[in-house]
PDB file of N, CA and C in Angstrom:
ATOM      1  N   MET A   1      56.084  29.450 -25.347  1.00  0.00           N
ATOM      2  CA  MET A   1      56.765  28.185 -24.632  1.00  0.00           C
ATOM      3  C   MET A   1      57.690  27.556 -25.521  1.00  0.00           C
ATOM      4  N   SER A   2      58.870  27.355 -24.333  1.00  0.00           N
ATOM      5  CA  SER A   2      60.197  26.638 -24.779  1.00  0.00           C
ATOM      6  C   SER A   2      59.913  24.982 -25.701  1.00  0.00           C
ATOM      7  N   THR A   3      60.394  24.580 -26.738  1.00  0.00           N
ATOM      8  CA  THR A   3      60.441  23.879 -27.551  1.00  0.00           C
ATOM      9  C   THR A   3      61.957  23.024 -27.190  1.00  0.00           C
ATOM     10  N   THR A   4      61.747  21.650 -27.364  1.00  0.00           N
ATOM     11  CA  THR A   4      62.828  20.538 -27.562  1.00  0.00           C
ATOM     12  C   THR A   4      62.879  19.880 -28.952  1.00  0.00           C
ATOM     13  N   THR A   5      63.958  19.758 -29.526  1.00  0.00           N
ATOM     14  CA  THR A   5      64.216  19.297 -30.726  1.00  0.00           C
ATOM     15  C   THR A   5      64.244  17.710 -30.415  1.00  0.00           C
ATOM     16  N   VAL A   6      64.047  16.558 -30.996  1.00  0.00           N
ATOM     17  CA  VAL A   6      64.210  15.256 -30.507  1.00  0.00           C
ATOM     18  C   VAL A   6      64.688  14.662 -32.083  1.00  0.00           C
ATOM     19  N   ASN A   7      64.912  13.895 -32.279  1.00  0.00           N
ATOM     20  CA  ASN A   7      64.855  12.962 -33.940  1.00  0.00           C
ATOM     21  C   ASN A   7      64.569  11.544 -33.326  1.00  0.00           C
ATOM     22  N   ILE A   8      63.485  11.231 -34.624  1.00  0.00           N
ATOM     23  CA  ILE A   8      62.524  10.291 -34.391  1.00  0.00           C
ATOM     24  C   ILE A   8      62.699   9.370 -35.740  1.00  0.00           C
ATOM     25  N   SER A   9      63.203   8.362 -35.559  1.00  0.00           N
ATOM     26  CA  SER A   9      63.072   7.391 -36.711  1.00  0.00           C
ATOM     27  C   SER A   9      61.844   6.677 -37.477  1.00  0.00           C
ATOM     28  N   PHE A  10      61.597   6.727 -38.997  1.00  0.00           N
ATOM     29  CA  PHE A  10      60.371   6.202 -39.141  1.00  0.00           C
ATOM     30  C   PHE A  10      60.659   5.530 -40.349  1.00  0.00           C
ATOM     31  N   GLN A  11      59.836   4.450 -40.821  1.00  0.00           N
ATOM     32  CA  GLN A  11      60.445   3.747 -41.699  1.00  0.00           C
ATOM     33  C   GLN A  11      59.951   4.592 -43.283  1.00  0.00           C
ATOM     34  N   GLU A  12      60.085   4.696 -44.169  1.00  0.00           N
ATOM     35  CA  GLU A  12      60.381   5.629 -45.462  1.00  0.00           C
ATOM     36  C   GLU A  12      58.690   5.808 -45.843  1.00  0.00           C
ATOM     37  N   SER A  13      57.865   4.287 -45.794  1.00  0.00           N
ATOM     38  CA  SER A  13      56.524   4.916 -46.221  1.00  0.00           C
ATOM     39  C   SER A  13      55.934   5.236 -45.522  1.00  0.00           C
ATOM     40  N   LEU A  14      56.129   5.432 -43.646  1.00  0.00           N
ATOM     41  CA  LEU A  14      55.343   6.302 -43.077  1.00  0.00           C
ATOM     42  C   LEU A  14      55.452   7.276 -43.086  1.00  0.00           C
ATOM     43  N   LEU A  15      56.714   7.945 -43.377  1.00  0.00           N
ATOM     44  CA  LEU A  15      57.356   9.407 -43.568  1.00  0.00           C
ATOM     45  C   LEU A  15      56.702   9.811 -44.574  1.00  0.00           C
ATOM     46  N   SER A  16      56.693   9.326 -45.783  1.00  0.00           N
ATOM     47  CA  SER A  16      55.852   9.432 -47.025  1.00  0.00           C
ATOM     48  C   SER A  16      54.169   9.630 -46.784  1.00  0.00           C
ATOM     49  N   ASP A  17      53.696   8.833 -46.143  1.00  0.00           N
ATOM     50  CA  ASP A  17      52.356   9.036 -45.570  1.00  0.00           C
ATOM     51  C   ASP A  17      52.030  10.749 -44.302  1.00  0.00           C
ATOM     52  N   ILE A  18      53.096  10.596 -43.693  1.00  0.00           N
ATOM     53  CA  ILE A  18      53.221  11.668 -42.796  1.00  0.00           C
ATOM     54  C   ILE A  18      53.150  13.035 -43.929  1.00  0.00           C
ATOM     55  N   ASP A  19      54.432  13.049 -44.616  1.00  0.00           N
ATOM     56  CA  ASP A  19      54.324  14.207 -45.653  1.00  0.00           C
ATOM     57  C   ASP A  19      53.298  14.132 -46.265  1.00  0.00           C
ATOM     58  N   LYS A  20      52.760  13.504 -46.914  1.00  0.00           N
ATOM     59  CA  LYS A  20      51.461  13.608 -47.878  1.00  0.00           C
ATOM     60  C   LYS A  20      50.360  14.693 -47.015  1.00  0.00           C
ATOM     61  N   VAL A  21      50.305  13.759 -45.527  1.00  0.00           N
ATOM     62  CA  VAL A  21      48.940  14.382 -44.922  1.00  0.00           C
ATOM     63  C   VAL A  21      49.530  15.782 -44.307  1.00  0.00           C
ATOM     64  N   ALA A  22      50.759  16.160 -44.328  1.00  0.00           N
ATOM     65  CA  ALA A  22      51.009  17.571 -43.755  1.00  0.00           C
ATOM     66  C   ALA A  22      50.998  18.300 -44.880  1.00  0.00           C
ATOM     67  N   ARG A  23      51.326  18.088 -46.309  1.00  0.00           N
ATOM     68  CA  ARG A  23      51.293  18.915 -47.438  1.00  0.00           C
ATOM     69  C   ARG A  23      49.564  19.128 -47.419  1.00  0.00           C
ATOM     70  N   LYS A  24      48.810  18.170 -47.735  1.00  0.00           N
ATOM     71  CA  LYS A  24      47.368  18.364 -47.825  1.00  0.00           C
ATOM     72  C   LYS A  24      46.540  19.477 -46.490  1.00  0.00           C
ATOM     73  N   GLU A  25      47.247  19.306 -45.624  1.00  0.00           N
ATOM     74  CA  GLU A  25      46.669  20.082 -44.408  1.00  0.00           C
ATOM     75  C   GLU A  25      47.392  21.619 -44.439  1.00  0.00           C
ATOM     76  N   SER A  26      48.583  21.762 -45.235  1.00  0.00           N
ATOM     77  CA  SER A  26      49.233  22.879 -45.177  1.00  0.00           C
ATOM     78  C   SER A  26      49.895  23.383 -43.870  1.00  0.00           C
ATOM     79  N   ARG A  27      50.591  21.531 -43.471  1.00  0.00           N
ATOM     80  CA  ARG A  27      51.367  22.236 -42.059  1.00  0.00           C
ATOM     81  C   ARG A  27      52.464  21.344 -42.038  1.00  0.00           C
ATOM     82  N   THR A  28      53.668  21.750 -41.154  1.00  0.00           N
ATOM     83  CA  THR A  28      54.854  20.971 -41.151  1.00  0.00           C
ATOM     84  C   THR A  28      54.722  19.806 -40.752  1.00  0.00           C
ATOM     85  N   ARG A  29      55.568  18.688 -41.106  1.00  0.00           N
ATOM     86  CA  ARG A  29      55.792  17.455 -40.200  1.00  0.00           C
ATOM     87  C   ARG A  29      55.638  17.794 -38.666  1.00  0.00           C
ATOM     88  N   SER A  30      56.456  18.591 -38.288  1.00  0.00           N
ATOM     89  CA  SER A  30      56.520  18.938 -36.796  1.00  0.00           C
ATOM     90  C   SER A  30      54.885  18.979 -36.071  1.00  0.00           C
ATOM     91  N   GLU A  31      54.701  20.231 -37.099  1.00  0.00           N
ATOM     92  CA  GLU A  31      52.873  20.483 -36.593  1.00  0.00           C
ATOM     93  C   GLU A  31      52.085  19.303 -36.409  1.00  0.00           C
ATOM     94  N   LEU A  32      52.124  18.708 -37.505  1.00  0.00           N
ATOM     95  CA  LEU A  32      51.670  16.997 -37.478  1.00  0.00           C
ATOM     96  C   LEU A  32      51.686  16.311 -36.723  1.00  0.00           C
ATOM     97  N   LEU A  33      53.078  16.004 -36.442  1.00  0.00           N
ATOM     98  CA  LEU A  33      53.494  15.037 -35.309  1.00  0.00           C
ATOM     99  C   LEU A  33      53.168  15.515 -33.858  1.00  0.00           C
ATOM    100  N   ARG A  34      52.876  17.144 -33.504  1.00  0.00           N
ATOM    101  CA  ARG A  34      52.683  17.268 -32.104  1.00  0.00           C
ATOM    102  C   ARG A  34      51.322  16.784 -31.753  1.00  0.00           C
ATOM    103  N   GLU A  35      50.239  17.630 -33.238  1.00  0.00           N
ATOM    104  CA  GLU A  35      48.955  17.169 -32.857  1.00  0.00           C
ATOM    105  C   GLU A  35      48.714  15.780 -32.882  1.00  0.00           C
ATOM    106  N   ALA A  36      49.219  14.991 -33.531  1.00  0.00           N
ATOM    107  CA  ALA A  36      48.960  13.306 -33.365  1.00  0.00           C
ATOM    108  C   ALA A  36      49.241  12.804 -32.225  1.00  0.00           C
ATOM    109  N   ALA A  37      51.022  13.546 -31.629  1.00  0.00           N
ATOM    110  CA  ALA A  37      50.489  13.144 -30.097  1.00  0.00           C
ATOM    111  C   ALA A  37      49.909  13.521 -28.982  1.00  0.00           C
ATOM    112  N   ARG A  38      49.411  14.900 -29.521  1.00  0.00           N
ATOM    113  CA  ARG A  38      48.716  15.367 -28.769  1.00  0.00           C
ATOM    114  C   ARG A  38      46.980  14.295 -28.248  1.00  0.00           C
ATOM    115  N   MET A  39      46.806  13.868 -29.244  1.00  0.00           N
ATOM    116  CA  MET A  39      45.705  13.357 -29.935  1.00  0.00           C
ATOM    117  C   MET A  39      45.660  11.981 -29.045  1.00  0.00           C
ATOM    118  N   TYR A  40      46.879  11.171 -29.120  1.00  0.00           N
ATOM    119  CA  TYR A  40      47.388  10.253 -28.692  1.00  0.00           C
ATOM    120  C   TYR A  40      47.140  10.210 -27.017  1.00  0.00           C
ATOM    121  N   ILE A  41      47.968  11.390 -26.364  1.00  0.00           N
ATOM    122  CA  ILE A  41      47.780  11.481 -25.049  1.00  0.00           C
ATOM    123  C   ILE A  41      46.409  11.245 -24.749  1.00  0.00           C
ATOM    124  N   GLU A  42      45.598  12.451 -25.161  1.00  0.00           N
ATOM    125  CA  GLU A  42      44.434  12.328 -24.666  1.00  0.00           C
ATOM    126  C   GLU A  42      43.399  11.293 -24.872  1.00  0.00           C
ATOM    127  N   ARG A  43      43.521  10.440 -26.268  1.00  0.00           N
ATOM    128  CA  ARG A  43      42.990   9.559 -26.045  1.00  0.00           C
ATOM    129  C   ARG A  43      42.699   8.628 -24.891  1.00  0.00           C
ATOM    130  N   LYS A  44      44.416   8.106 -24.871  1.00  0.00           N
ATOM    131  CA  LYS A  44      44.682   7.169 -23.661  1.00  0.00           C
ATOM    132  C   LYS A  44      44.456   7.567 -22.756  1.00  0.00           C
ATOM    133  N   ARG A  45      44.821   9.009 -22.036  1.00  0.00           N
ATOM    134  CA  ARG A  45      43.613   9.692 -20.625  1.00  0.00           C
ATOM    135  C   ARG A  45      42.507   9.161 -20.652  1.00  0.00           C
ATOM    136  N   ARG A  46      41.652   9.541 -22.308  1.00  0.00           N
ATOM    137  CA  ARG A  46      40.348   9.137 -21.516  1.00  0.00           C
ATOM    138  C   ARG A  46      39.693   7.484 -21.527  1.00  0.00           C
ATOM    139  N   TRP A  47      40.841   6.660 -22.361  1.00  0.00           N
ATOM    140  CA  TRP A  47      40.254   5.362 -22.057  1.00  0.00           C
ATOM    141  C   TRP A  47      40.597   4.802 -20.685  1.00  0.00           C
ATOM    142  N   ASP A  48      41.901   5.320 -19.894  1.00  0.00           N
ATOM    143  CA  ASP A  48      42.411   5.105 -18.800  1.00  0.00           C
ATOM    144  C   ASP A  48      41.375   5.650 -17.733  1.00  0.00           C
ATOM    145  N   ARG A  49      40.396   6.693 -17.922  1.00  0.00           N
ATOM    146  CA  ARG A  49      39.484   6.978 -16.991  1.00  0.00           C
ATOM    147  C   ARG A  49      38.348   6.035 -17.038  1.00  0.00           C
ATOM    148  N   ILE A  50      38.114   5.578 -18.337  1.00  0.00           N
ATOM    149  CA  ILE A  50      37.045   4.810 -18.752  1.00  0.00           C
ATOM    150  C   ILE A  50      37.169   3.402 -17.867  1.00  0.00           C
ATOM    151  N   PHE A  51      38.464   2.948 -18.124  1.00  0.00           N
ATOM    152  CA  PHE A  51      38.518   1.516 -17.120  1.00  0.00           C
ATOM    153  C   PHE A  51      38.819   1.688 -15.452  1.00  0.00           C
ATOM    154  N   ASP A  52      39.380   2.918 -15.476  1.00  0.00           N
ATOM    155  CA  ASP A  52      39.135   3.318 -13.988  1.00  0.00           C
ATOM    156  C   ASP A  52      38.079   3.316 -13.429  1.00  0.00           C
ATOM    157  N   TYR A  53      37.109   3.871 -14.140  1.00  0.00           N
ATOM    158  CA  TYR A  53      35.548   3.913 -13.764  1.00  0.00           C
ATOM    159  C   TYR A  53      35.017   2.476 -13.742  1.00  0.00           C
ATOM    160  N   ALA A  54      35.407   1.749 -14.457  1.00  0.00           N
ATOM    161  CA  ALA A  54      34.700   0.526 -14.389  1.00  0.00           C
ATOM    162  C   ALA A  54      35.606  -0.611 -13.456  1.00  0.00           C
ATOM    163  N   LYS A  55      36.501  -0.478 -13.323  1.00  0.00           N
ATOM    164  CA  LYS A  55      37.238  -1.106 -12.038  1.00  0.00           C
ATOM    165  C   LYS A  55      36.350  -0.653 -10.766  1.00  0.00           C
ATOM    166  N   SER A  56      36.194   0.490 -10.682  1.00  0.00           N
ATOM    167  CA  SER A  56      35.328   0.840  -9.159  1.00  0.00           C
ATOM    168  C   SER A  56      34.313   0.444  -9.215  1.00  0.00           C
ATOM    169  N   LYS A  57      33.461   0.428 -10.482  1.00  0.00           N
ATOM    170  CA  LYS A  57      32.177  -0.425 -10.344  1.00  0.00           C
ATOM    171  C   LYS A  57      32.154  -1.861  -9.842  1.00  0.00           C
ATOM    172  N   VAL A  58      33.254  -2.287 -10.432  1.00  0.00           N
ATOM    173  CA  VAL A  58      33.176  -3.995 -10.211  1.00  0.00           C
ATOM    174  C   VAL A  58      33.752  -4.195  -8.826  1.00  0.00           C
ATOM    175  N   VAL A  59      34.521  -3.344  -8.184  1.00  0.00           N
ATOM    176  CA  VAL A  59      34.849  -3.215  -6.603  1.00  0.00           C
ATOM    177  C   VAL A  59      33.308  -3.416  -5.802  1.00  0.00           C
ATOM    178  N   GLU A  60      32.916  -1.564  -5.993  1.00  0.00           N
ATOM    179  CA  GLU A  60      31.647  -1.758  -5.440  1.00  0.00           C
ATOM    180  C   GLU A  60      30.539  -2.505  -5.433  1.00  0.00           C
ATOM    181  N   ASN A  61      30.270  -3.048  -6.651  1.00  0.00           N
ATOM    182  CA  ASN A  61      29.470  -3.995  -6.647  1.00  0.00           C
ATOM    183  C   ASN A  61      30.082  -5.469  -6.563  1.00  0.00           C
ATOM    184  N   ARG A  62      31.276  -5.860  -6.405  1.00  0.00           N
ATOM    185  CA  ARG A  62      31.281  -7.037  -6.078  1.00  0.00           C
ATOM    186  C   ARG A  62      31.324  -7.966  -7.530  1.00  0.00           C
ATOM    187  N   LEU A  63      31.905  -7.342  -8.679  1.00  0.00           N
ATOM    188  CA  LEU A  63      31.105  -8.295  -9.788  1.00  0.00           C
ATOM    189  C   LEU A  63      32.269  -9.455 -10.328  1.00  0.00           C
ATOM    190  N   THR A  64      31.523 -10.216 -10.796  1.00  0.00           N
ATOM    191  CA  THR A  64      32.619 -11.194 -11.218  1.00  0.00           C
ATOM    192  C   THR A  64      32.752 -11.383 -12.865  1.00  0.00           C
ATOM    193  N   GLU A  65      33.695 -11.839 -13.390  1.00  0.00           N
ATOM    194  CA  GLU A  65      33.719 -11.886 -14.544  1.00  0.00           C
ATOM    195  C   GLU A  65      32.454 -12.543 -14.975  1.00  0.00           C
ATOM    196  N   GLY A  66      32.212 -13.415 -14.706  1.00  0.00           N
ATOM    197  CA  GLY A  66      30.806 -14.129 -14.664  1.00  0.00           C
ATOM    198  C   GLY A  66      29.336 -13.177 -15.515  1.00  0.00           C
ATOM    199  N   ASP A  67      29.788 -12.409 -13.815  1.00  0.00           N
ATOM    200  CA  ASP A  67      28.259 -11.316 -14.065  1.00  0.00           C
ATOM    201  C   ASP A  67      28.932 -10.473 -15.207  1.00  0.00           C
ATOM    202  N   ILE A  68      29.925 -10.100 -15.665  1.00  0.00           N
ATOM    203  CA  ILE A  68      29.940  -9.068 -16.532  1.00  0.00           C
ATOM    204  C   ILE A  68      29.666  -9.782 -18.108  1.00  0.00           C
ATOM    205  N   GLU A  69      29.959 -11.041 -18.243  1.00  0.00           N
ATOM    206  CA  GLU A  69      29.639 -11.875 -19.446  1.00  0.00           C
ATOM    207  C   GLU A  69      28.230 -12.039 -19.537  1.00  0.00           C
ATOM    208  N   ARG A  70      27.541 -12.149 -18.672  1.00  0.00           N
ATOM    209  CA  ARG A  70      26.033 -12.278 -18.430  1.00  0.00           C
ATOM    210  C   ARG A  70      25.442 -10.908 -18.840  1.00  0.00           C
ATOM    211  N   GLU A  71      25.801 -10.094 -18.435  1.00  0.00           N
ATOM    212  CA  GLU A  71      25.370  -8.669 -18.646  1.00  0.00           C
ATOM    213  C   GLU A  71      25.671  -8.184 -20.347  1.00  0.00           C
ATOM    214  N   ILE A  72      26.706  -8.090 -20.682  1.00  0.00           N
ATOM    215  CA  ILE A  72      27.192  -8.379 -22.089  1.00  0.00           C
ATOM    216  C   ILE A  72      25.962  -9.317 -23.222  1.00  0.00           C
ATOM    217  N   ALA A  73      26.114 -10.658 -22.591  1.00  0.00           N
ATOM    218  CA  ALA A  73      25.388 -11.350 -23.495  1.00  0.00           C
ATOM    219  C   ALA A  73      23.870 -11.054 -23.446  1.00  0.00           C
ATOM    220  N   ALA A  74      23.055 -10.236 -22.085  1.00  0.00           N
ATOM    221  CA  ALA A  74      21.964  -9.914 -22.176  1.00  0.00           C
ATOM    222  C   ALA A  74      21.564  -8.721 -22.994  1.00  0.00           C
ATOM    223  N   TYR A  75      22.661  -7.575 -23.260  1.00  0.00           N
ATOM    224  CA  TYR A  75      22.745  -6.443 -23.998  1.00  0.00           C
ATOM    225  C   TYR A  75      22.498  -6.842 -25.255  1.00  0.00           C
ATOM    226  N   ARG A  76      23.303  -7.750 -25.598  1.00  0.00           N
ATOM    227  CA  ARG A  76      23.715  -8.115 -27.193  1.00  0.00           C
ATOM    228  C   ARG A  76      22.102  -8.743 -27.493  1.00  0.00           C
ATOM    229  N   LYS A  77      21.464  -9.705 -26.714  1.00  0.00           N
ATOM    230  CA  LYS A  77      20.291 -10.208 -27.045  1.00  0.00           C
ATOM    231  C   LYS A  77      19.355  -9.436 -27.314  1.00  0.00           C
ATOM    232  N   LYS A  78      19.266  -8.031 -25.937  1.00  0.00           N
ATOM    233  CA  LYS A  78      18.365  -7.194 -26.386  1.00  0.00           C
ATOM    234  C   LYS A  78      18.487  -6.245 -27.435  1.00  0.00           C
ATOM    235  N   ARG A  79      19.638  -5.985 -28.029  1.00  0.00           N
ATOM    236  CA  ARG A  79      19.478  -5.425 -29.381  1.00  0.00           C
ATOM    237  C   ARG A  79      19.417  -6.024 -30.943  1.00  0.00           C
ATOM    238  N   ARG A  80      19.978  -7.305 -30.524  1.00  0.00           N
ATOM    239  CA  ARG A  80      19.245  -8.195 -31.645  1.00  0.00           C
ATOM    240  C   ARG A  80      17.738  -8.003 -32.099  1.00  0.00           C
ATOM    241  N   ARG A  81      17.211  -7.916 -30.782  1.00  0.00           N
ATOM    242  CA  ARG A  81      15.642  -8.228 -30.900  1.00  0.00           C
ATOM    243  C   ARG A  81      14.938  -6.716 -31.488  1.00  0.00           C
ATOM    244  N   LYS A  82      15.830  -5.645 -31.073  1.00  0.00           N
ATOM    245  CA  LYS A  82      15.221  -4.505 -31.703  1.00  0.00           C
ATOM    246  C   LYS A  82      15.652  -4.234 -33.018  1.00  0.00           C
ATOM    247  N   SER A  83      16.779  -4.844 -33.780  1.00  0.00           N
ATOM    248  CA  SER A  83      16.982  -4.747 -35.201  1.00  0.00           C
ATOM    249  C   SER A  83      16.242  -5.196 -35.919  1.00  0.00           C
TER     250      SER A  83
END
């Protein structure tokens, strides 16, 4: 797999934290930052899928904001009773 070098600016305190974690995990800055980018991208995709699914259900069921607020309130009330 080919790679490309990029230059990124960090505040010194953040770079220090990155270096500490990289040392603790016995890896390079580049390895740590690549993994962090992969994790961020995957988490973003997962949330996008969740929101896309929710939007489709809103349209499919013709839900209003009020419908959703009532469902949330009912769920919270039910959870409080179980506690």
